């Protein structure tokens, strides 16, 4: 499993994260892991949804212009960072 090191984290942020971890009955490491997983999951869905919505709107607008767009081929999502 990959390891992430965070340098130069100010004391206030670290203290706040420790308090949040205690409130959630987790270690600091587990709390930060949950925060990062939620942030990654939320941002990917939000940006992807916006992109697909914009692409669909563009395809609909281009339909009557004579400009031919290829049909989208469904592909399996791939890991961005390996």
C-alpha atoms as a PDB file:
ATOM      1  CA  UNK A   1       0.000   0.000   0.000  1.00  0.00           C
ATOM      2  CA  UNK A   2       1.370   3.474  -0.853  1.00  0.00           C
ATOM      3  CA  UNK A   3       2.685   5.739   1.885  1.00  0.00           C
ATOM      4  CA  UNK A   4       2.039   9.483   2.000  1.00  0.00           C
ATOM      5  CA  UNK A   5       4.210  11.887   3.971  1.00  0.00           C
ATOM      6  CA  UNK A   6       2.932  15.373   4.747  1.00  0.00           C
ATOM      7  CA  UNK A   7       5.612  17.915   5.623  1.00  0.00           C
ATOM      8  CA  UNK A   8       5.295  21.399   7.109  1.00  0.00           C
ATOM      9  CA  UNK A   9       1.841  20.854   8.582  1.00  0.00           C
ATOM     10  CA  UNK A  10       1.209  23.680  11.027  1.00  0.00           C
ATOM     11  CA  UNK A  11       0.574  22.803  14.676  1.00  0.00           C
ATOM     12  CA  UNK A  12      -2.970  24.193  14.685  1.00  0.00           C
ATOM     13  CA  UNK A  13      -4.007  21.921  11.834  1.00  0.00           C
ATOM     14  CA  UNK A  14      -2.368  18.915  13.447  1.00  0.00           C
ATOM     15  CA  UNK A  15      -4.024  19.647  16.781  1.00  0.00           C
ATOM     16  CA  UNK A  16      -7.424  20.088  15.086  1.00  0.00           C
ATOM     17  CA  UNK A  17      -7.013  16.773  13.276  1.00  0.00           C
ATOM     18  CA  UNK A  18      -6.047  15.027  16.522  1.00  0.00           C
ATOM     19  CA  UNK A  19      -9.167  16.380  18.249  1.00  0.00           C
ATOM     20  CA  UNK A  20     -11.318  15.294  15.317  1.00  0.00           C
ATOM     21  CA  UNK A  21      -9.754  11.822  15.466  1.00  0.00           C
ATOM     22  CA  UNK A  22     -10.490  11.540  19.183  1.00  0.00           C
ATOM     23  CA  UNK A  23     -14.091  12.673  18.610  1.00  0.00           C
ATOM     24  CA  UNK A  24     -14.490   9.906  16.009  1.00  0.00           C
ATOM     25  CA  UNK A  25     -12.688   7.239  18.081  1.00  0.00           C
ATOM     26  CA  UNK A  26      -9.912   6.894  15.486  1.00  0.00           C
ATOM     27  CA  UNK A  27      -6.170   7.302  15.379  1.00  0.00           C
ATOM     28  CA  UNK A  28      -4.792  10.421  13.704  1.00  0.00           C
ATOM     29  CA  UNK A  29      -3.655   8.313  10.765  1.00  0.00           C
ATOM     30  CA  UNK A  30      -7.079   6.686  10.365  1.00  0.00           C
ATOM     31  CA  UNK A  31      -8.820  10.069  10.592  1.00  0.00           C
ATOM     32  CA  UNK A  32      -6.606  11.603   7.891  1.00  0.00           C
ATOM     33  CA  UNK A  33      -7.149   8.518   5.722  1.00  0.00           C
ATOM     34  CA  UNK A  34     -10.953   8.921   6.003  1.00  0.00           C
ATOM     35  CA  UNK A  35     -10.718  12.640   5.180  1.00  0.00           C
ATOM     36  CA  UNK A  36      -8.574  11.968   2.088  1.00  0.00           C
ATOM     37  CA  UNK A  37     -10.799   9.119   0.873  1.00  0.00           C
ATOM     38  CA  UNK A  38     -13.939  11.256   1.203  1.00  0.00           C
ATOM     39  CA  UNK A  39     -12.289  14.187  -0.566  1.00  0.00           C
ATOM     40  CA  UNK A  40     -11.065  12.015  -3.431  1.00  0.00           C
ATOM     41  CA  UNK A  41     -14.403  10.256  -3.856  1.00  0.00           C
ATOM     42  CA  UNK A  42     -16.410  13.499  -3.756  1.00  0.00           C
ATOM     43  CA  UNK A  43     -14.229  15.469  -6.155  1.00  0.00           C
ATOM     44  CA  UNK A  44     -14.003  12.672  -8.735  1.00  0.00           C
ATOM     45  CA  UNK A  45     -17.753  12.207  -8.898  1.00  0.00           C
ATOM     46  CA  UNK A  46     -18.484  15.934  -8.969  1.00  0.00           C
ATOM     47  CA  UNK A  47     -15.984  16.743 -11.732  1.00  0.00           C
ATOM     48  CA  UNK A  48     -16.852  13.677 -13.777  1.00  0.00           C
ATOM     49  CA  UNK A  49     -20.567  14.411 -13.589  1.00  0.00           C
ATOM     50  CA  UNK A  50     -20.000  18.005 -14.695  1.00  0.00           C
ATOM     51  CA  UNK A  51     -17.815  16.862 -17.589  1.00  0.00           C
ATOM     52  CA  UNK A  52     -20.318  14.275 -18.824  1.00  0.00           C
ATOM     53  CA  UNK A  53     -23.193  16.745 -18.514  1.00  0.00           C
ATOM     54  CA  UNK A  54     -21.277  19.342 -20.538  1.00  0.00           C
ATOM     55  CA  UNK A  55     -20.326  16.744 -23.160  1.00  0.00           C
ATOM     56  CA  UNK A  56     -23.950  15.645 -23.516  1.00  0.00           C
ATOM     57  CA  UNK A  57     -25.080  19.265 -23.899  1.00  0.00           C
ATOM     58  CA  UNK A  58     -22.395  19.871 -26.532  1.00  0.00           C
ATOM     59  CA  UNK A  59     -23.391  16.729 -28.422  1.00  0.00           C
ATOM     60  CA  UNK A  60     -27.052  17.814 -28.372  1.00  0.00           C
ATOM     61  CA  UNK A  61     -26.189  21.332 -29.563  1.00  0.00           C
ATOM     62  CA  UNK A  62     -23.993  19.978 -32.368  1.00  0.00           C
ATOM     63  CA  UNK A  63     -26.648  17.503 -33.558  1.00  0.00           C
ATOM     64  CA  UNK A  64     -28.402  19.892 -35.970  1.00  0.00           C
ATOM     65  CA  UNK A  65     -25.275  21.664 -37.266  1.00  0.00           C
ATOM     66  CA  UNK A  66     -24.127  18.928 -39.617  1.00  0.00           C
ATOM     67  CA  UNK A  67     -21.008  18.491 -37.510  1.00  0.00           C
ATOM     68  CA  UNK A  68     -20.657  14.756 -36.958  1.00  0.00           C
ATOM     69  CA  UNK A  69     -19.449  13.542 -33.588  1.00  0.00           C
ATOM     70  CA  UNK A  70     -18.444   9.933 -33.069  1.00  0.00           C
ATOM     71  CA  UNK A  71     -20.503   7.961 -30.600  1.00  0.00           C
ATOM     72  CA  UNK A  72     -18.867   7.535 -27.216  1.00  0.00           C
ATOM     73  CA  UNK A  73     -17.426   4.105 -26.652  1.00  0.00           C
ATOM     74  CA  UNK A  74     -17.733   2.914 -23.091  1.00  0.00           C
ATOM     75  CA  UNK A  75     -14.368   2.073 -21.556  1.00  0.00           C
ATOM     76  CA  UNK A  76     -13.417   0.745 -18.167  1.00  0.00           C
ATOM     77  CA  UNK A  77     -12.078   3.387 -15.787  1.00  0.00           C
ATOM     78  CA  UNK A  78      -8.356   3.102 -15.202  1.00  0.00           C
ATOM     79  CA  UNK A  79      -6.081   3.939 -12.338  1.00  0.00           C
ATOM     80  CA  UNK A  80      -4.681   7.452 -12.781  1.00  0.00           C
ATOM     81  CA  UNK A  81      -1.653   6.923 -10.555  1.00  0.00           C
ATOM     82  CA  UNK A  82      -0.003   3.550 -10.372  1.00  0.00           C
END
